[in-house]
Each structure stands twice: as structure tokens, then as C-alpha cells.
PDB file of N, CA and C in Angstrom:
ATOM      1  N   MET A   1      23.773 -37.386   1.678  1.00  0.00           N
ATOM      2  CA  MET A   1      24.577 -36.279   1.255  1.00  0.00           C
ATOM      3  C   MET A   1      25.007 -35.337   2.237  1.00  0.00           C
ATOM      4  N   LEU A   2      25.967 -34.651   1.870  1.00  0.00           N
ATOM      5  CA  LEU A   2      26.250 -33.469   2.847  1.00  0.00           C
ATOM      6  C   LEU A   2      25.667 -32.110   2.467  1.00  0.00           C
ATOM      7  N   ASN A   3      24.677 -32.139   1.604  1.00  0.00           N
ATOM      8  CA  ASN A   3      24.095 -30.855   1.216  1.00  0.00           C
ATOM      9  C   ASN A   3      23.551 -29.939   2.380  1.00  0.00           C
ATOM     10  N   GLN A   4      22.844 -30.567   3.257  1.00  0.00           N
ATOM     11  CA  GLN A   4      22.351 -29.889   4.472  1.00  0.00           C
ATOM     12  C   GLN A   4      23.552 -29.272   5.265  1.00  0.00           C
ATOM     13  N   ALA A   5      24.605 -29.904   5.410  1.00  0.00           N
ATOM     14  CA  ALA A   5      25.817 -29.233   5.995  1.00  0.00           C
ATOM     15  C   ALA A   5      26.251 -28.244   5.244  1.00  0.00           C
ATOM     16  N   ARG A   6      26.402 -28.373   3.860  1.00  0.00           N
ATOM     17  CA  ARG A   6      26.912 -27.225   2.984  1.00  0.00           C
ATOM     18  C   ARG A   6      25.925 -26.011   3.242  1.00  0.00           C
ATOM     19  N   TYR A   7      24.722 -26.256   3.024  1.00  0.00           N
ATOM     20  CA  TYR A   7      23.694 -25.171   3.207  1.00  0.00           C
ATOM     21  C   TYR A   7      23.848 -24.436   4.559  1.00  0.00           C
ATOM     22  N   GLN A   8      23.972 -25.240   5.557  1.00  0.00           N
ATOM     23  CA  GLN A   8      24.273 -24.545   6.839  1.00  0.00           C
ATOM     24  C   GLN A   8      25.490 -23.654   6.951  1.00  0.00           C
ATOM     25  N   ILE A   9      26.490 -24.073   6.261  1.00  0.00           N
ATOM     26  CA  ILE A   9      27.784 -23.293   6.327  1.00  0.00           C
ATOM     27  C   ILE A   9      27.530 -22.037   5.378  1.00  0.00           C
ATOM     28  N   ILE A  10      26.766 -22.095   4.329  1.00  0.00           N
ATOM     29  CA  ILE A  10      26.445 -21.092   3.524  1.00  0.00           C
ATOM     30  C   ILE A  10      25.653 -20.043   4.336  1.00  0.00           C
ATOM     31  N   LEU A  11      24.508 -20.624   4.900  1.00  0.00           N
ATOM     32  CA  LEU A  11      23.634 -19.717   5.733  1.00  0.00           C
ATOM     33  C   LEU A  11      24.313 -19.022   6.803  1.00  0.00           C
ATOM     34  N   GLN A  12      25.056 -19.808   7.721  1.00  0.00           N
ATOM     35  CA  GLN A  12      25.670 -19.287   8.746  1.00  0.00           C
ATOM     36  C   GLN A  12      26.696 -18.234   8.378  1.00  0.00           C
ATOM     37  N   SER A  13      27.396 -18.419   7.404  1.00  0.00           N
ATOM     38  CA  SER A  13      28.326 -17.450   6.932  1.00  0.00           C
ATOM     39  C   SER A  13      27.717 -16.139   6.446  1.00  0.00           C
ATOM     40  N   ARG A  14      26.591 -16.249   5.744  1.00  0.00           N
ATOM     41  CA  ARG A  14      25.879 -15.131   5.494  1.00  0.00           C
ATOM     42  C   ARG A  14      25.292 -14.346   6.723  1.00  0.00           C
ATOM     43  N   LEU A  15      24.833 -14.996   7.530  1.00  0.00           N
ATOM     44  CA  LEU A  15      24.134 -14.493   8.729  1.00  0.00           C
ATOM     45  C   LEU A  15      25.253 -13.683   9.715  1.00  0.00           C
ATOM     46  N   ALA A  16      26.425 -14.211   9.524  1.00  0.00           N
ATOM     47  CA  ALA A  16      27.403 -13.779  10.364  1.00  0.00           C
ATOM     48  C   ALA A  16      28.284 -12.480   9.695  1.00  0.00           C
ATOM     49  N   GLY A  17      27.773 -12.240   8.486  1.00  0.00           N
ATOM     50  CA  GLY A  17      28.294 -11.159   7.671  1.00  0.00           C
ATOM     51  C   GLY A  17      29.792 -11.699   7.091  1.00  0.00           C
ATOM     52  N   LEU A  18      29.930 -12.888   7.012  1.00  0.00           N
ATOM     53  CA  LEU A  18      31.215 -13.436   6.353  1.00  0.00           C
ATOM     54  C   LEU A  18      31.094 -13.478   4.909  1.00  0.00           C
ATOM     55  N   ALA A  19      32.358 -13.627   4.265  1.00  0.00           N
ATOM     56  CA  ALA A  19      32.402 -13.888   2.759  1.00  0.00           C
ATOM     57  C   ALA A  19      31.790 -15.273   2.609  1.00  0.00           C
ATOM     58  N   ALA A  20      31.305 -15.533   1.362  1.00  0.00           N
ATOM     59  CA  ALA A  20      30.762 -16.761   0.953  1.00  0.00           C
ATOM     60  C   ALA A  20      31.652 -17.908   1.098  1.00  0.00           C
ATOM     61  N   PRO A  21      31.435 -19.073   1.619  1.00  0.00           N
ATOM     62  CA  PRO A  21      32.439 -20.096   1.917  1.00  0.00           C
ATOM     63  C   PRO A  21      32.826 -20.709   0.614  1.00  0.00           C
ATOM     64  N   ILE A  22      33.906 -21.410   0.609  1.00  0.00           N
ATOM     65  CA  ILE A  22      34.635 -22.089  -0.553  1.00  0.00           C
ATOM     66  C   ILE A  22      34.200 -23.504  -0.482  1.00  0.00           C
ATOM     67  N   GLU A  23      33.785 -23.972  -1.731  1.00  0.00           N
ATOM     68  CA  GLU A  23      33.378 -25.509  -1.876  1.00  0.00           C
ATOM     69  C   GLU A  23      34.748 -26.273  -1.998  1.00  0.00           C
ATOM     70  N   THR A  24      34.656 -27.455  -1.514  1.00  0.00           N
ATOM     71  CA  THR A  24      35.705 -28.405  -1.473  1.00  0.00           C
ATOM     72  C   THR A  24      36.231 -28.801  -3.043  1.00  0.00           C
ATOM     73  N   VAL A  25      37.294 -29.425  -2.968  1.00  0.00           N
ATOM     74  CA  VAL A  25      37.875 -29.874  -4.208  1.00  0.00           C
ATOM     75  C   VAL A  25      36.951 -31.039  -4.878  1.00  0.00           C
ATOM     76  N   HIS A  26      37.176 -31.333  -6.091  1.00  0.00           N
ATOM     77  CA  HIS A  26      36.286 -32.587  -6.739  1.00  0.00           C
ATOM     78  C   HIS A  26      37.557 -33.457  -7.309  1.00  0.00           C
ATOM     79  N   PRO A  27      37.528 -34.600  -7.003  1.00  0.00           N
ATOM     80  CA  PRO A  27      38.627 -35.318  -7.298  1.00  0.00           C
ATOM     81  C   PRO A  27      38.844 -35.652  -8.853  1.00  0.00           C
ATOM     82  N   GLU A  28      37.741 -35.250  -9.681  1.00  0.00           N
ATOM     83  CA  GLU A  28      37.775 -35.733 -11.116  1.00  0.00           C
ATOM     84  C   GLU A  28      38.669 -34.487 -11.710  1.00  0.00           C
ATOM     85  N   PHE A  29      39.535 -34.937 -12.536  1.00  0.00           N
ATOM     86  CA  PHE A  29      40.524 -34.029 -13.365  1.00  0.00           C
ATOM     87  C   PHE A  29      40.546 -34.155 -14.671  1.00  0.00           C
ATOM     88  N   ARG A  30      39.925 -35.247 -15.188  1.00  0.00           N
ATOM     89  CA  ARG A  30      39.958 -35.613 -16.694  1.00  0.00           C
ATOM     90  C   ARG A  30      38.728 -35.145 -17.405  1.00  0.00           C
ATOM     91  N   ASP A  31      37.548 -35.321 -16.720  1.00  0.00           N
ATOM     92  CA  ASP A  31      36.254 -35.064 -17.341  1.00  0.00           C
ATOM     93  C   ASP A  31      35.856 -33.598 -16.898  1.00  0.00           C
ATOM     94  N   MET A  32      36.083 -32.659 -17.710  1.00  0.00           N
ATOM     95  CA  MET A  32      35.791 -31.343 -17.378  1.00  0.00           C
ATOM     96  C   MET A  32      34.138 -31.063 -17.263  1.00  0.00           C
ATOM     97  N   GLY A  33      33.312 -31.994 -17.897  1.00  0.00           N
ATOM     98  CA  GLY A  33      31.972 -31.817 -17.745  1.00  0.00           C
ATOM     99  C   GLY A  33      31.566 -31.942 -16.319  1.00  0.00           C
ATOM    100  N   VAL A  34      32.207 -32.991 -15.773  1.00  0.00           N
ATOM    101  CA  VAL A  34      31.919 -33.328 -14.243  1.00  0.00           C
ATOM    102  C   VAL A  34      32.240 -32.127 -13.408  1.00  0.00           C
ATOM    103  N   ILE A  35      33.439 -31.578 -13.706  1.00  0.00           N
ATOM    104  CA  ILE A  35      33.934 -30.327 -12.925  1.00  0.00           C
ATOM    105  C   ILE A  35      33.035 -29.224 -12.995  1.00  0.00           C
ATOM    106  N   GLN A  36      32.608 -28.939 -14.263  1.00  0.00           N
ATOM    107  CA  GLN A  36      31.696 -27.762 -14.669  1.00  0.00           C
ATOM    108  C   GLN A  36      30.442 -28.027 -13.959  1.00  0.00           C
ATOM    109  N   ARG A  37      29.811 -29.232 -13.982  1.00  0.00           N
ATOM    110  CA  ARG A  37      28.618 -29.437 -13.129  1.00  0.00           C
ATOM    111  C   ARG A  37      28.741 -29.162 -11.624  1.00  0.00           C
ATOM    112  N   ALA A  38      29.667 -29.735 -11.081  1.00  0.00           N
ATOM    113  CA  ALA A  38      30.012 -29.521  -9.714  1.00  0.00           C
ATOM    114  C   ALA A  38      30.215 -28.010  -9.360  1.00  0.00           C
ATOM    115  N   ALA A  39      30.976 -27.196 -10.264  1.00  0.00           N
ATOM    116  CA  ALA A  39      31.181 -25.746 -10.097  1.00  0.00           C
ATOM    117  C   ALA A  39      29.807 -25.116 -10.186  1.00  0.00           C
ATOM    118  N   ARG A  40      29.001 -25.356 -11.148  1.00  0.00           N
ATOM    119  CA  ARG A  40      27.731 -24.722 -11.167  1.00  0.00           C
ATOM    120  C   ARG A  40      26.795 -24.924 -10.059  1.00  0.00           C
ATOM    121  N   ARG A  41      26.857 -26.284  -9.653  1.00  0.00           N
ATOM    122  CA  ARG A  41      26.039 -26.556  -8.283  1.00  0.00           C
ATOM    123  C   ARG A  41      26.495 -25.707  -7.224  1.00  0.00           C
ATOM    124  N   ALA A  42      27.960 -25.500  -7.023  1.00  0.00           N
ATOM    125  CA  ALA A  42      28.407 -24.727  -5.969  1.00  0.00           C
ATOM    126  C   ALA A  42      27.881 -23.255  -6.012  1.00  0.00           C
ATOM    127  N   VAL A  43      27.930 -22.750  -7.284  1.00  0.00           N
ATOM    128  CA  VAL A  43      27.541 -21.397  -7.454  1.00  0.00           C
ATOM    129  C   VAL A  43      26.006 -21.374  -7.121  1.00  0.00           C
ATOM    130  N   GLU A  44      25.323 -22.207  -7.501  1.00  0.00           N
ATOM    131  CA  GLU A  44      23.768 -22.205  -7.276  1.00  0.00           C
ATOM    132  C   GLU A  44      23.415 -22.308  -5.815  1.00  0.00           C
ATOM    133  N   MET A  45      24.331 -23.005  -5.042  1.00  0.00           N
ATOM    134  CA  MET A  45      24.154 -23.226  -3.654  1.00  0.00           C
ATOM    135  C   MET A  45      24.448 -21.986  -3.014  1.00  0.00           C
ATOM    136  N   GLY A  46      25.417 -21.222  -3.533  1.00  0.00           N
ATOM    137  CA  GLY A  46      25.781 -19.861  -2.860  1.00  0.00           C
ATOM    138  C   GLY A  46      27.283 -19.816  -2.472  1.00  0.00           C
ATOM    139  N   PHE A  47      28.158 -20.849  -2.877  1.00  0.00           N
ATOM    140  CA  PHE A  47      29.410 -20.757  -2.515  1.00  0.00           C
ATOM    141  C   PHE A  47      30.082 -19.706  -3.258  1.00  0.00           C
ATOM    142  N   GLY A  48      31.297 -19.199  -2.669  1.00  0.00           N
ATOM    143  CA  GLY A  48      31.803 -18.074  -3.380  1.00  0.00           C
ATOM    144  C   GLY A  48      33.058 -18.604  -4.298  1.00  0.00           C
ATOM    145  N   GLY A  49      33.417 -19.767  -4.034  1.00  0.00           N
ATOM    146  CA  GLY A  49      34.639 -20.231  -4.912  1.00  0.00           C
ATOM    147  C   GLY A  49      34.682 -21.749  -4.714  1.00  0.00           C
ATOM    148  N   MET A  50      35.544 -22.449  -5.270  1.00  0.00           N
ATOM    149  CA  MET A  50      35.800 -23.776  -5.299  1.00  0.00           C
ATOM    150  C   MET A  50      37.220 -24.191  -5.248  1.00  0.00           C
ATOM    151  N   LEU A  51      37.675 -25.058  -4.322  1.00  0.00           N
ATOM    152  CA  LEU A  51      39.173 -25.398  -4.428  1.00  0.00           C
ATOM    153  C   LEU A  51      39.408 -26.348  -5.717  1.00  0.00           C
ATOM    154  N   CYS A  52      40.641 -26.327  -6.210  1.00  0.00           N
ATOM    155  CA  CYS A  52      40.926 -27.104  -7.541  1.00  0.00           C
ATOM    156  C   CYS A  52      42.126 -28.157  -6.901  1.00  0.00           C
ATOM    157  N   ILE A  53      41.967 -29.280  -7.482  1.00  0.00           N
ATOM    158  CA  ILE A  53      42.972 -30.284  -7.082  1.00  0.00           C
ATOM    159  C   ILE A  53      44.040 -30.585  -8.210  1.00  0.00           C
ATOM    160  N   HIS A  54      43.617 -30.024  -9.323  1.00  0.00           N
ATOM    161  CA  HIS A  54      44.536 -30.070 -10.630  1.00  0.00           C
ATOM    162  C   HIS A  54      44.489 -28.771 -11.416  1.00  0.00           C
ATOM    163  N   PRO A  55      45.673 -28.455 -11.969  1.00  0.00           N
ATOM    164  CA  PRO A  55      45.632 -27.223 -12.831  1.00  0.00           C
ATOM    165  C   PRO A  55      44.727 -27.041 -13.973  1.00  0.00           C
ATOM    166  N   SER A  56      44.259 -28.372 -14.402  1.00  0.00           N
ATOM    167  CA  SER A  56      43.398 -28.426 -15.578  1.00  0.00           C
ATOM    168  C   SER A  56      41.931 -27.844 -15.109  1.00  0.00           C
ATOM    169  N   GLN A  57      41.601 -27.752 -13.928  1.00  0.00           N
ATOM    170  CA  GLN A  57      40.239 -27.349 -13.256  1.00  0.00           C
ATOM    171  C   GLN A  57      40.317 -25.921 -13.071  1.00  0.00           C
ATOM    172  N   VAL A  58      41.399 -25.167 -12.999  1.00  0.00           N
ATOM    173  CA  VAL A  58      41.372 -23.790 -12.398  1.00  0.00           C
ATOM    174  C   VAL A  58      40.546 -22.829 -13.505  1.00  0.00           C
ATOM    175  N   THR A  59      40.849 -22.807 -14.829  1.00  0.00           N
ATOM    176  CA  THR A  59      40.326 -21.817 -15.651  1.00  0.00           C
ATOM    177  C   THR A  59      38.672 -22.223 -15.554  1.00  0.00           C
ATOM    178  N   LEU A  60      38.434 -23.355 -15.718  1.00  0.00           N
ATOM    179  CA  LEU A  60      36.703 -23.771 -15.877  1.00  0.00           C
ATOM    180  C   LEU A  60      36.221 -23.329 -14.542  1.00  0.00           C
ATOM    181  N   VAL A  61      36.846 -23.638 -13.319  1.00  0.00           N
ATOM    182  CA  VAL A  61      36.123 -23.317 -12.028  1.00  0.00           C
ATOM    183  C   VAL A  61      36.082 -21.722 -11.993  1.00  0.00           C
ATOM    184  N   ASN A  62      37.290 -20.996 -12.345  1.00  0.00           N
ATOM    185  CA  ASN A  62      37.127 -19.480 -12.230  1.00  0.00           C
ATOM    186  C   ASN A  62      35.906 -18.956 -13.070  1.00  0.00           C
ATOM    187  N   ASP A  63      35.940 -19.582 -14.443  1.00  0.00           N
ATOM    188  CA  ASP A  63      35.079 -18.949 -15.370  1.00  0.00           C
ATOM    189  C   ASP A  63      33.496 -19.187 -14.873  1.00  0.00           C
ATOM    190  N   THR A  64      33.448 -20.370 -14.073  1.00  0.00           N
ATOM    191  CA  THR A  64      32.026 -20.766 -13.732  1.00  0.00           C
ATOM    192  C   THR A  64      31.431 -19.810 -12.505  1.00  0.00           C
ATOM    193  N   PHE A  65      32.453 -19.468 -11.759  1.00  0.00           N
ATOM    194  CA  PHE A  65      32.144 -18.566 -10.586  1.00  0.00           C
ATOM    195  C   PHE A  65      31.994 -17.049 -11.058  1.00  0.00           C
ATOM    196  N   LEU A  66      32.532 -16.722 -12.136  1.00  0.00           N
ATOM    197  CA  LEU A  66      32.312 -15.246 -12.585  1.00  0.00           C
ATOM    198  C   LEU A  66      30.882 -15.010 -13.021  1.00  0.00           C
ATOM    199  N   PRO A  67      30.269 -13.824 -12.703  1.00  0.00           N
ATOM    200  CA  PRO A  67      28.980 -13.505 -13.299  1.00  0.00           C
ATOM    201  C   PRO A  67      28.881 -13.493 -14.845  1.00  0.00           C
ATOM    202  N   THR A  68      27.805 -13.924 -15.385  1.00  0.00           N
ATOM    203  CA  THR A  68      27.621 -13.939 -16.704  1.00  0.00           C
ATOM    204  C   THR A  68      27.480 -12.331 -17.179  1.00  0.00           C
ATOM    205  N   ALA A  69      27.678 -12.160 -18.501  1.00  0.00           N
ATOM    206  CA  ALA A  69      27.288 -10.817 -18.925  1.00  0.00           C
ATOM    207  C   ALA A  69      25.994 -10.267 -18.647  1.00  0.00           C
ATOM    208  N   ASP A  70      24.827 -11.032 -18.786  1.00  0.00           N
ATOM    209  CA  ASP A  70      23.642 -10.612 -18.369  1.00  0.00           C
ATOM    210  C   ASP A  70      23.448 -10.420 -17.078  1.00  0.00           C
ATOM    211  N   GLN A  71      24.005 -11.164 -15.996  1.00  0.00           N
ATOM    212  CA  GLN A  71      23.947 -10.900 -14.605  1.00  0.00           C
ATOM    213  C   GLN A  71      24.692  -9.622 -14.308  1.00  0.00           C
ATOM    214  N   LEU A  72      25.801  -9.303 -14.834  1.00  0.00           N
ATOM    215  CA  LEU A  72      26.566  -8.198 -14.626  1.00  0.00           C
ATOM    216  C   LEU A  72      25.776  -6.913 -15.164  1.00  0.00           C
ATOM    217  N   ALA A  73      25.261  -7.023 -16.342  1.00  0.00           N
ATOM    218  CA  ALA A  73      24.292  -5.900 -16.759  1.00  0.00           C
ATOM    219  C   ALA A  73      23.236  -5.615 -15.724  1.00  0.00           C
ATOM    220  N   TRP A  74      22.710  -6.710 -15.431  1.00  0.00           N
ATOM    221  CA  TRP A  74      21.521  -6.594 -14.478  1.00  0.00           C
ATOM    222  C   TRP A  74      21.994  -5.837 -13.207  1.00  0.00           C
ATOM    223  N   ALA A  75      23.027  -6.241 -12.682  1.00  0.00           N
ATOM    224  CA  ALA A  75      23.679  -5.618 -11.313  1.00  0.00           C
ATOM    225  C   ALA A  75      23.956  -4.202 -11.596  1.00  0.00           C
ATOM    226  N   LYS A  76      24.462  -3.894 -12.699  1.00  0.00           N
ATOM    227  CA  LYS A  76      24.743  -2.422 -12.959  1.00  0.00           C
ATOM    228  C   LYS A  76      23.671  -1.553 -13.034  1.00  0.00           C
ATOM    229  N   ARG A  77      22.615  -2.158 -13.646  1.00  0.00           N
ATOM    230  CA  ARG A  77      21.253  -1.389 -13.795  1.00  0.00           C
ATOM    231  C   ARG A  77      20.676  -1.241 -12.413  1.00  0.00           C
ATOM    232  N   VAL A  78      20.647  -2.238 -11.648  1.00  0.00           N
ATOM    233  CA  VAL A  78      20.158  -2.084 -10.275  1.00  0.00           C
ATOM    234  C   VAL A  78      20.921  -0.992  -9.570  1.00  0.00           C
ATOM    235  N   ILE A  79      22.285  -0.971  -9.496  1.00  0.00           N
ATOM    236  CA  ILE A  79      23.045  -0.035  -8.812  1.00  0.00           C
ATOM    237  C   ILE A  79      22.741   1.275  -9.276  1.00  0.00           C
ATOM    238  N   ALA A  80      22.745   1.467 -10.535  1.00  0.00           N
ATOM    239  CA  ALA A  80      22.287   2.862 -11.169  1.00  0.00           C
ATOM    240  C   ALA A  80      21.031   3.269 -10.814  1.00  0.00           C
ATOM    241  N   ALA A  81      20.003   2.466 -10.778  1.00  0.00           N
ATOM    242  CA  ALA A  81      18.492   2.831 -10.414  1.00  0.00           C
ATOM    243  C   ALA A  81      18.476   3.120  -8.941  1.00  0.00           C
ATOM    244  N   ALA A  82      19.214   2.466  -8.193  1.00  0.00           N
ATOM    245  CA  ALA A  82      19.282   2.719  -6.716  1.00  0.00           C
ATOM    246  C   ALA A  82      20.020   3.932  -6.302  1.00  0.00           C
ATOM    247  N   GLU A  83      20.890   4.359  -7.071  1.00  0.00           N
ATOM    248  CA  GLU A  83      21.604   5.694  -6.784  1.00  0.00           C
ATOM    249  C   GLU A  83      20.728   6.732  -7.256  1.00  0.00           C
ATOM    250  N   GLN A  84      19.684   6.456  -8.051  1.00  0.00           N
ATOM    251  CA  GLN A  84      18.821   7.795  -8.323  1.00  0.00           C
ATOM    252  C   GLN A  84      17.558   7.873  -7.452  1.00  0.00           C
ATOM    253  N   ASP A  85      17.361   6.681  -6.545  1.00  0.00           N
ATOM    254  CA  ASP A  85      16.120   6.596  -5.638  1.00  0.00           C
ATOM    255  C   ASP A  85      16.770   5.873  -4.439  1.00  0.00           C
ATOM    256  N   ALA A  86      16.786   6.800  -3.171  1.00  0.00           N
ATOM    257  CA  ALA A  86      17.317   6.244  -2.119  1.00  0.00           C
ATOM    258  C   ALA A  86      16.463   5.147  -1.445  1.00  0.00           C
ATOM    259  N   GLY A  87      15.146   5.222  -1.633  1.00  0.00           N
ATOM    260  CA  GLY A  87      14.185   4.242  -1.182  1.00  0.00           C
ATOM    261  C   GLY A  87      14.276   2.908  -2.051  1.00  0.00           C
ATOM    262  N   ALA A  88      13.246   2.054  -1.618  1.00  0.00           N
ATOM    263  CA  ALA A  88      12.990   0.936  -2.507  1.00  0.00           C
ATOM    264  C   ALA A  88      12.391   1.330  -3.873  1.00  0.00           C
ATOM    265  N   GLY A  89      12.917   0.822  -4.897  1.00  0.00           N
ATOM    266  CA  GLY A  89      12.486   1.148  -6.213  1.00  0.00           C
ATOM    267  C   GLY A  89      12.201  -0.247  -7.047  1.00  0.00           C
ATOM    268  N   GLN A  90      12.109  -0.194  -8.483  1.00  0.00           N
ATOM    269  CA  GLN A  90      12.008  -1.361  -9.022  1.00  0.00           C
ATOM    270  C   GLN A  90      12.899  -1.157 -10.446  1.00  0.00           C
ATOM    271  N   ILE A  91      13.238  -2.372 -10.918  1.00  0.00           N
ATOM    272  CA  ILE A  91      13.745  -2.444 -12.370  1.00  0.00           C
ATOM    273  C   ILE A  91      13.338  -3.945 -12.968  1.00  0.00           C
ATOM    274  N   ASP A  92      12.918  -3.849 -14.072  1.00  0.00           N
ATOM    275  CA  ASP A  92      12.502  -5.072 -14.727  1.00  0.00           C
ATOM    276  C   ASP A  92      11.403  -5.736 -13.975  1.00  0.00           C
ATOM    277  N   GLY A  93      10.514  -4.979 -13.354  1.00  0.00           N
ATOM    278  CA  GLY A  93       9.460  -5.527 -12.514  1.00  0.00           C
ATOM    279  C   GLY A  93       9.786  -6.117 -11.260  1.00  0.00           C
ATOM    280  N   GLN A  94      11.253  -5.937 -10.736  1.00  0.00           N
ATOM    281  CA  GLN A  94      11.573  -6.491  -9.657  1.00  0.00           C
ATOM    282  C   GLN A  94      11.970  -5.300  -8.653  1.00  0.00           C
ATOM    283  N   MET A  95      11.382  -5.507  -7.393  1.00  0.00           N
ATOM    284  CA  MET A  95      11.599  -4.659  -6.359  1.00  0.00           C
ATOM    285  C   MET A  95      13.144  -4.461  -6.084  1.00  0.00           C
ATOM    286  N   ILE A  96      13.648  -3.254  -5.962  1.00  0.00           N
ATOM    287  CA  ILE A  96      14.970  -3.068  -5.540  1.00  0.00           C
ATOM    288  C   ILE A  96      14.981  -2.636  -4.013  1.00  0.00           C
ATOM    289  N   ASP A  97      15.526  -3.426  -3.223  1.00  0.00           N
ATOM    290  CA  ASP A  97      15.704  -3.093  -1.795  1.00  0.00           C
ATOM    291  C   ASP A  97      17.140  -3.509  -1.346  1.00  0.00           C
ATOM    292  N   ALA A  98      17.386  -3.407  -0.093  1.00  0.00           N
ATOM    293  CA  ALA A  98      18.663  -3.575   0.461  1.00  0.00           C
ATOM    294  C   ALA A  98      19.224  -4.982   0.069  1.00  0.00           C
ATOM    295  N   PRO A  99      18.536  -6.121   0.319  1.00  0.00           N
ATOM    296  CA  PRO A  99      19.062  -7.414  -0.229  1.00  0.00           C
ATOM    297  C   PRO A  99      19.460  -7.470  -1.712  1.00  0.00           C
ATOM    298  N   VAL A 100      18.460  -6.974  -2.571  1.00  0.00           N
ATOM    299  CA  VAL A 100      18.822  -6.966  -3.988  1.00  0.00           C
ATOM    300  C   VAL A 100      19.994  -6.128  -4.316  1.00  0.00           C
ATOM    301  N   MET A 101      20.140  -5.014  -3.626  1.00  0.00           N
ATOM    302  CA  MET A 101      21.265  -4.045  -3.791  1.00  0.00           C
ATOM    303  C   MET A 101      22.569  -4.887  -3.414  1.00  0.00           C
ATOM    304  N   ALA A 102      22.533  -5.517  -2.376  1.00  0.00           N
ATOM    305  CA  ALA A 102      23.658  -6.221  -1.933  1.00  0.00           C
ATOM    306  C   ALA A 102      24.090  -7.281  -2.762  1.00  0.00           C
ATOM    307  N   ARG A 103      23.150  -8.004  -3.385  1.00  0.00           N
ATOM    308  CA  ARG A 103      23.396  -9.074  -4.338  1.00  0.00           C
ATOM    309  C   ARG A 103      24.178  -8.336  -5.641  1.00  0.00           C
ATOM    310  N   ALA A 104      23.530  -7.301  -6.064  1.00  0.00           N
ATOM    311  CA  ALA A 104      24.111  -6.597  -7.162  1.00  0.00           C
ATOM    312  C   ALA A 104      25.662  -6.170  -6.966  1.00  0.00           C
ATOM    313  N   ARG A 105      25.823  -5.674  -5.690  1.00  0.00           N
ATOM    314  CA  ARG A 105      27.154  -5.109  -5.476  1.00  0.00           C
ATOM    315  C   ARG A 105      28.102  -6.429  -5.388  1.00  0.00           C
ATOM    316  N   ARG A 106      27.632  -7.506  -4.835  1.00  0.00           N
ATOM    317  CA  ARG A 106      28.479  -8.669  -4.815  1.00  0.00           C
ATOM    318  C   ARG A 106      28.792  -9.185  -6.203  1.00  0.00           C
ATOM    319  N   LEU A 107      27.826  -9.189  -7.156  1.00  0.00           N
ATOM    320  CA  LEU A 107      28.184  -9.523  -8.512  1.00  0.00           C
ATOM    321  C   LEU A 107      29.163  -8.713  -9.129  1.00  0.00           C
ATOM    322  N   VAL A 108      29.051  -7.510  -8.933  1.00  0.00           N
ATOM    323  CA  VAL A 108      29.970  -6.445  -9.611  1.00  0.00           C
ATOM    324  C   VAL A 108      31.373  -6.683  -8.977  1.00  0.00           C
ATOM    325  N   ALA A 109      31.414  -6.894  -7.681  1.00  0.00           N
ATOM    326  CA  ALA A 109      32.655  -7.044  -7.018  1.00  0.00           C
ATOM    327  C   ALA A 109      33.426  -8.459  -7.385  1.00  0.00           C
ATOM    328  N   SER A 110      32.581  -9.462  -7.756  1.00  0.00           N
ATOM    329  CA  SER A 110      33.099 -10.693  -8.111  1.00  0.00           C
ATOM    330  C   SER A 110      33.775 -10.525  -9.559  1.00  0.00           C
ATOM    331  N   ALA A 111      32.906  -9.757 -10.362  1.00  0.00           N
ATOM    332  CA  ALA A 111      33.444  -9.503 -11.803  1.00  0.00           C
ATOM    333  C   ALA A 111      34.744  -8.858 -11.673  1.00  0.00           C
ATOM    334  N   ASP A 112      34.868  -7.735 -10.784  1.00  0.00           N
ATOM    335  CA  ASP A 112      36.134  -6.962 -10.646  1.00  0.00           C
ATOM    336  C   ASP A 112      37.334  -7.816 -10.168  1.00  0.00           C
ATOM    337  N   ARG A 113      36.982  -8.938  -9.511  1.00  0.00           N
ATOM    338  CA  ARG A 113      38.095  -9.778  -9.054  1.00  0.00           C
ATOM    339  C   ARG A 113      38.528 -10.619 -10.049  1.00  0.00           C
ATOM    340  N   GLY A 114      37.667 -11.054 -10.993  1.00  0.00           N
ATOM    341  CA  GLY A 114      37.983 -11.986 -12.080  1.00  0.00           C
ATOM    342  C   GLY A 114      38.829 -11.461 -13.041  1.00  0.00           C
TER     343      GLY A 114
END
């Protein structure tokens, strides 16, 4: 499989400070379950989006890449907590440091683009 190459692209993009890469198209356009699984896998791997080959894929792919309401609520709590404490803090038992803040900001930014 090409997953090793995909992960390298994701890793190298992150290390270079670039936006998350875009996953390639999936040729299936009739079975939306297949598309949803492919899009979820791409999100879990760290891709920032996915190309579509057919208009029927667009809404499903867009919705899959948007943060969930729970993820967005978490991100907003992290940002609010960090604004009150300039150092490392915690929320819900998780340490808040620079990488956690960066993830929270990316989630909020992706929701704003949606």
C-alpha cells in the first residue's frame, strides 16, 4: 500500500510548516459508504482535505473533514483556558501546551472555513 508514502507527505508537510496535504480522489461515486470510509481514514491520517471525482462526493467529503461539535467545543475550551494562563495548563485532565493549542486553533480555523 501507499500508506507509508502518504504518512511521509503528511509528516514532511507538518515539519515544513505547510498546510496539511490533500488526499487524492477515490474512483467510487455510487457507494457513499466507501467514500465516507476513505474520507474518515484521510482525516485520521492527517490530511487536510480530499479531492472529489464526482459532484455526489463533495458534500460528504466536506462534512467528513469538518470538526464535530464535540471537537469544536473542546478546541474552544482549550483556547479559552490558554488565554487565561500563558504557560502550560490543563483541561479535562489533558495538558495544554503549544502543540495542543496549535491543534485547537486548526480545528477552529477548519470549522470557520466550512
